[in-house]
Amino acid sequence: MSDPSTLSALITALAVAGAAIGFLAGLFGVGGGAISVPIFYEIFGVLGYKPEVAMPLAVGTSLAVIVPTSISSARGHYLKGAVDMALLRIWAVPVLIGVLVGAAIARYADPAVFQAVFIGVAGLNAVKLLTGGKGWRLRDELPERGVLSIYGALIGLVSSLMGIGGGAVSNLAMTLHGVPIHRAVSTAAGVGVLIAIPGTIGYMLAGAGRPDLPPDAIGFVSLATFALTIPTSLLTTRLGVSLAHSLSRRMLETAFGVFLLLVCSRFVWGIVS
């Protein structure tokens, strides 16, 4: 890493990744983890860290990056009056429990566990979105509070293992129950705030004391990667929010579905190659 050209390439890659993360956070109501996790994983691999360190480090750092982008995205959607605050209040505690359980698993899980969860959840959501959701409806309204609490815990757990802000998972849960895509995307941005903050703290604690982490890391969170990614991500979040509210429902669904499918393909390739 003493090679200036290699260092420059890594810094540029992180800046570009930050811009993409911020834009996606606003556009799809996701934290951007679906792009930051694979990029961070590749970068940590280039830096020489083994998969059992690179993968949870990528996930934890992704959650840290999602904190400011999800707050910015949620605020933008809230100002447009599209966030379901009542649902967020129901999900607050269950999501927190799920996130902390996921962070505890992260300390001992094989890298393939993270990748398999990522592929399964994102792939399912991609198929639903690309097919227009026909036949993908459990009911026309959200279930009772007890079932919603279970959903919240599962959203927190899966999102914590995937290193995402919960947008893909909560979008799936809401649209399966008749929530319009624009409202689901906007509310998912709020879910990102509920997940990213405790998730980051959990991954810091999960990796505490490991001698094989980068010198800049606090547990499974790389501070250098965080610092290089945040500036550009904050610049592009509002652009994503504006575009999301200008697209038709079908255009937004198709764009989100294609995006998720591409990310799934990347991880499948990583497992089989």
Protein backbone atom coordinates (compact mmCIF):
# COMPACT_ATOMS: atom_id res chain seq x y z
CA MET A 1 0.00 0.00 0.00
CA SER A 2 3.02 2.31 -0.13
CA ASP A 3 2.52 2.58 -3.90
CA PRO A 4 1.06 6.09 -4.50
CA SER A 5 -0.90 4.98 -7.57
CA THR A 6 -2.58 2.15 -5.67
CA LEU A 7 -3.41 4.44 -2.77
CA SER A 8 -4.82 7.05 -5.15
CA ALA A 9 -6.97 4.43 -6.89
CA LEU A 10 -8.40 3.24 -3.56
CA ILE A 11 -9.22 6.79 -2.44
CA THR A 12 -10.93 7.50 -5.77
CA ALA A 13 -12.90 4.24 -5.54
CA LEU A 14 -14.14 5.15 -2.07
CA ALA A 15 -15.14 8.67 -3.16
CA VAL A 16 -17.10 7.27 -6.12
CA ALA A 17 -18.66 4.62 -3.87
CA GLY A 18 -19.72 7.35 -1.46
CA ALA A 19 -21.47 9.27 -4.24
CA ALA A 20 -23.32 6.12 -5.33
CA ILE A 21 -24.28 5.26 -1.74
CA GLY A 22 -25.77 8.70 -1.12
CA PHE A 23 -27.68 8.73 -4.41
CA LEU A 24 -29.14 5.26 -3.81
CA ALA A 25 -30.09 6.17 -0.24
CA GLY A 26 -32.27 8.96 -1.56
CA LEU A 27 -33.59 7.19 -4.66
CA PHE A 28 -34.60 3.84 -3.17
CA GLY A 29 -34.89 4.62 0.53
CA VAL A 30 -31.98 2.23 1.14
CA GLY A 31 -28.83 3.00 3.05
CA GLY A 32 -26.63 2.20 0.10
CA GLY A 33 -25.20 -0.91 1.75
CA ALA A 34 -26.03 -3.04 -1.26
CA ILE A 35 -23.27 -1.22 -3.12
CA SER A 36 -20.94 -0.30 -0.25
CA VAL A 37 -20.63 -3.83 1.16
CA PRO A 38 -19.28 -5.43 -2.04
CA ILE A 39 -17.02 -2.42 -2.75
CA PHE A 40 -15.64 -2.34 0.78
CA TYR A 41 -15.16 -6.11 0.69
CA GLU A 42 -13.08 -5.85 -2.49
CA ILE A 43 -11.01 -2.96 -1.11
CA PHE A 44 -10.25 -4.76 2.15
CA GLY A 45 -9.24 -7.77 0.06
CA VAL A 46 -6.81 -5.60 -1.92
CA LEU A 47 -5.41 -4.41 1.38
CA GLY A 48 -4.62 -8.02 2.24
CA TYR A 49 -7.26 -8.90 4.82
CA LYS A 50 -8.69 -12.42 4.84
CA PRO A 51 -12.41 -12.96 4.03
CA GLU A 52 -13.26 -13.78 7.65
CA VAL A 53 -12.13 -10.25 8.54
CA ALA A 54 -12.91 -8.42 5.28
CA MET A 55 -16.59 -9.43 5.19
CA PRO A 56 -17.73 -8.36 8.69
CA LEU A 57 -15.48 -5.30 8.39
CA ALA A 58 -17.23 -4.38 5.13
CA VAL A 59 -20.65 -4.90 6.74
CA GLY A 60 -19.83 -2.91 9.90
CA THR A 61 -18.23 -0.05 7.98
CA SER A 62 -21.19 0.01 5.61
CA LEU A 63 -23.56 0.44 8.55
CA ALA A 64 -21.42 3.33 9.84
CA VAL A 65 -21.58 5.05 6.44
CA ILE A 66 -25.35 4.54 6.37
CA VAL A 67 -25.84 6.58 9.58
CA PRO A 68 -25.47 10.07 8.04
CA THR A 69 -26.88 9.09 4.63
CA SER A 70 -29.98 7.50 6.14
CA ILE A 71 -30.60 10.52 8.35
CA SER A 72 -30.28 12.84 5.35
CA SER A 73 -32.51 10.62 3.21
CA ALA A 74 -35.16 10.17 5.92
CA ARG A 75 -35.30 13.93 6.49
CA GLY A 76 -35.78 14.57 2.77
CA HIS A 77 -38.65 12.08 2.50
CA TYR A 78 -40.18 13.30 5.79
CA LEU A 79 -40.30 16.87 4.49
CA LYS A 80 -42.29 15.56 1.53
CA GLY A 81 -44.81 14.05 3.97
CA ALA A 82 -44.31 10.47 2.80
CA VAL A 83 -42.91 8.77 5.92
CA ASP A 84 -45.21 6.53 8.01
CA MET A 85 -44.13 7.66 11.48
CA ALA A 86 -46.66 5.43 13.26
CA LEU A 87 -45.11 2.34 11.68
CA LEU A 88 -41.59 3.49 12.58
CA ARG A 89 -42.63 3.84 16.22
CA ILE A 90 -43.96 0.26 16.23
CA TRP A 91 -40.75 -1.04 14.68
CA ALA A 92 -38.28 0.92 16.82
CA VAL A 93 -37.67 -1.63 19.62
CA PRO A 94 -38.05 -4.87 17.58
CA VAL A 95 -35.64 -3.55 14.92
CA LEU A 96 -33.10 -2.71 17.64
CA ILE A 97 -33.31 -6.24 19.07
CA GLY A 98 -32.84 -7.79 15.63
CA VAL A 99 -29.85 -5.57 14.85
CA LEU A 100 -28.06 -6.46 18.09
CA VAL A 101 -28.62 -10.19 17.56
CA GLY A 102 -27.19 -9.85 14.04
CA ALA A 103 -24.13 -8.03 15.33
CA ALA A 104 -23.53 -10.79 17.89
CA ILE A 105 -23.72 -13.43 15.15
CA ALA A 106 -21.26 -11.41 13.06
CA ARG A 107 -18.43 -12.07 15.49
CA TYR A 108 -18.43 -15.80 14.77
CA ALA A 109 -20.18 -16.29 11.40
CA ASP A 110 -18.43 -17.54 8.27
CA PRO A 111 -18.26 -14.98 5.40
CA ALA A 112 -20.54 -17.22 3.34
CA VAL A 113 -23.35 -16.61 5.85
CA PHE A 114 -23.33 -12.88 5.12
CA GLN A 115 -23.22 -13.46 1.37
CA ALA A 116 -25.99 -16.08 1.40
CA VAL A 117 -28.33 -13.81 3.39
CA PHE A 118 -27.52 -10.96 1.01
CA ILE A 119 -28.25 -13.03 -2.10
CA GLY A 120 -31.44 -14.58 -0.73
CA VAL A 121 -33.16 -11.43 0.50
CA ALA A 122 -32.05 -9.05 -2.25
CA GLY A 123 -32.74 -11.64 -4.97
CA LEU A 124 -36.27 -12.30 -3.72
CA ASN A 125 -37.00 -8.59 -3.64
CA ALA A 126 -35.54 -8.10 -7.12
CA VAL A 127 -37.80 -10.78 -8.63
CA LYS A 128 -40.85 -9.26 -6.96
CA LEU A 129 -40.07 -5.77 -8.22
CA LEU A 130 -39.21 -6.82 -11.77
CA THR A 131 -42.39 -8.89 -12.15
CA GLY A 132 -44.48 -5.93 -11.07
CA GLY A 133 -45.48 -7.61 -7.84
CA LYS A 134 -48.36 -9.51 -9.45
CA GLY A 135 -49.38 -12.26 -7.06
CA TRP A 136 -46.95 -10.85 -4.46
CA ARG A 137 -49.57 -9.55 -2.08
CA LEU A 138 -50.32 -11.10 1.30
CA ARG A 139 -53.09 -8.64 2.07
CA ASP A 140 -54.19 -5.11 1.23
CA GLU A 141 -53.22 -3.59 4.54
CA LEU A 142 -50.55 -3.90 7.20
CA PRO A 143 -51.08 -6.64 9.84
CA GLU A 144 -51.74 -6.13 13.54
CA ARG A 145 -49.09 -4.72 15.87
CA GLY A 146 -47.79 -8.11 17.09
CA VAL A 147 -47.03 -9.34 13.58
CA LEU A 148 -45.48 -5.98 12.70
CA SER A 149 -43.16 -6.35 15.70
CA ILE A 150 -41.99 -9.74 14.41
CA TYR A 151 -41.41 -8.16 10.99
CA GLY A 152 -39.38 -5.44 12.66
CA ALA A 153 -37.12 -7.91 14.47
CA LEU A 154 -36.53 -9.89 11.26
CA ILE A 155 -35.81 -6.69 9.31
CA GLY A 156 -33.24 -5.67 11.92
CA LEU A 157 -31.59 -9.10 12.00
CA VAL A 158 -31.33 -9.59 8.24
CA SER A 159 -30.26 -5.99 7.60
CA SER A 160 -27.57 -6.24 10.26
CA LEU A 161 -26.12 -9.35 8.59
CA MET A 162 -26.34 -7.74 5.14
CA GLY A 163 -24.82 -4.40 6.16
CA ILE A 164 -27.75 -2.46 4.73
CA GLY A 165 -30.09 0.15 6.12
CA GLY A 166 -33.09 -2.15 5.83
CA GLY A 167 -34.54 -0.54 2.72
CA ALA A 168 -34.67 -3.72 0.63
CA VAL A 169 -36.18 -5.79 3.45
CA SER A 170 -38.66 -3.24 4.80
CA ASN A 171 -39.73 -2.33 1.26
CA LEU A 172 -40.56 -5.99 0.66
CA ALA A 173 -42.52 -6.26 3.91
CA MET A 174 -44.53 -3.12 3.27
CA THR A 175 -45.33 -3.67 -0.40
CA LEU A 176 -46.46 -7.25 0.34
CA HIS A 177 -49.14 -5.61 2.47
CA GLY A 178 -50.36 -3.06 -0.04
CA VAL A 179 -48.24 -0.05 0.91
CA PRO A 180 -47.63 2.09 -2.22
CA ILE A 181 -44.03 2.00 -3.45
CA HIS A 182 -43.35 5.72 -2.89
CA ARG A 183 -44.57 5.54 0.72
CA ALA A 184 -42.67 2.30 1.27
CA VAL A 185 -39.44 3.83 -0.08
CA SER A 186 -39.88 6.92 2.09
CA THR A 187 -40.64 4.95 5.27
CA ALA A 188 -37.73 2.60 4.53
CA ALA A 189 -35.43 5.61 4.74
CA GLY A 190 -36.58 6.03 8.35
CA VAL A 191 -35.96 2.34 9.01
CA GLY A 192 -32.38 2.97 7.93
CA VAL A 193 -31.90 5.33 10.87
CA LEU A 194 -33.30 2.73 13.29
CA ILE A 195 -30.87 0.11 11.97
CA ALA A 196 -27.66 1.96 11.18
CA ILE A 197 -26.93 3.57 14.54
CA PRO A 198 -27.28 0.50 16.83
CA GLY A 199 -25.85 -1.68 14.05
CA THR A 200 -22.66 0.37 13.91
CA ILE A 201 -22.25 0.24 17.68
CA GLY A 202 -22.93 -3.50 17.67
CA TYR A 203 -20.26 -4.20 15.03
CA MET A 204 -17.75 -2.05 16.91
CA LEU A 205 -18.33 -4.20 19.98
CA ALA A 206 -18.42 -7.47 18.01
CA GLY A 207 -14.93 -6.89 16.61
CA ALA A 208 -13.42 -5.43 19.76
CA GLY A 209 -10.09 -6.91 20.75
CA ARG A 210 -9.36 -8.76 17.48
CA PRO A 211 -5.66 -8.42 16.60
CA ASP A 212 -6.17 -8.98 12.84
CA LEU A 213 -8.10 -5.77 12.16
CA PRO A 214 -6.73 -2.62 10.41
CA PRO A 215 -5.01 -0.13 12.73
CA ASP A 216 -7.69 2.50 12.00
CA ALA A 217 -10.58 0.20 12.90
CA ILE A 218 -12.77 0.27 15.99
CA GLY A 219 -14.05 -3.28 16.04
CA PHE A 220 -15.52 -4.10 12.64
CA VAL A 221 -15.69 -0.44 11.54
CA SER A 222 -12.90 1.15 9.49
CA LEU A 223 -12.67 4.85 10.38
CA ALA A 224 -10.48 5.69 7.36
CA THR A 225 -12.97 4.12 4.95
CA PHE A 226 -15.82 5.93 6.69
CA ALA A 227 -14.05 9.30 6.45
CA LEU A 228 -13.25 8.92 2.75
CA THR A 229 -16.77 7.83 1.80
CA ILE A 230 -19.01 10.23 3.72
CA PRO A 231 -18.31 13.58 1.98
CA THR A 232 -19.47 12.51 -1.48
CA SER A 233 -22.39 10.46 -0.12
CA LEU A 234 -23.88 13.50 1.60
CA LEU A 235 -23.59 15.53 -1.59
CA THR A 236 -25.72 13.15 -3.65
CA THR A 237 -28.48 12.06 -1.25
CA ARG A 238 -30.82 14.95 -2.10
CA LEU A 239 -30.44 14.22 -5.81
CA GLY A 240 -31.73 10.70 -5.19
CA VAL A 241 -34.70 11.94 -3.14
CA SER A 242 -35.72 14.38 -5.87
CA LEU A 243 -35.49 11.74 -8.58
CA ALA A 244 -37.48 9.20 -6.55
CA HIS A 245 -40.47 11.53 -6.31
CA SER A 246 -40.33 12.38 -10.01
CA LEU A 247 -40.45 8.75 -11.24
CA SER A 248 -43.60 6.71 -11.80
CA ARG A 249 -44.32 3.74 -9.53
CA ARG A 250 -43.37 1.21 -12.22
CA MET A 251 -40.15 3.00 -13.16
CA LEU A 252 -39.06 3.12 -9.54
CA GLU A 253 -39.85 -0.57 -9.01
CA THR A 254 -37.96 -1.62 -12.16
CA ALA A 255 -34.91 0.48 -11.35
CA PHE A 256 -34.73 -0.90 -7.81
CA GLY A 257 -35.19 -4.49 -9.05
CA VAL A 258 -32.40 -4.24 -11.65
CA PHE A 259 -30.08 -2.71 -9.09
CA LEU A 260 -30.67 -5.52 -6.57
CA LEU A 261 -30.26 -8.20 -9.24
CA LEU A 262 -26.86 -6.84 -10.26
CA VAL A 263 -25.64 -6.88 -6.67
CA CYS A 264 -26.87 -10.46 -6.17
CA SER A 265 -25.01 -11.52 -9.32
CA ARG A 266 -21.81 -10.07 -7.93
CA PHE A 267 -22.01 -12.14 -4.73
CA VAL A 268 -23.05 -15.31 -6.52
CA TRP A 269 -19.98 -14.91 -8.72
CA GLY A 270 -17.83 -14.44 -5.63
CA ILE A 271 -19.11 -17.69 -4.08
CA VAL A 272 -18.83 -19.93 -7.16
CA SER A 273 -15.57 -18.53 -8.54
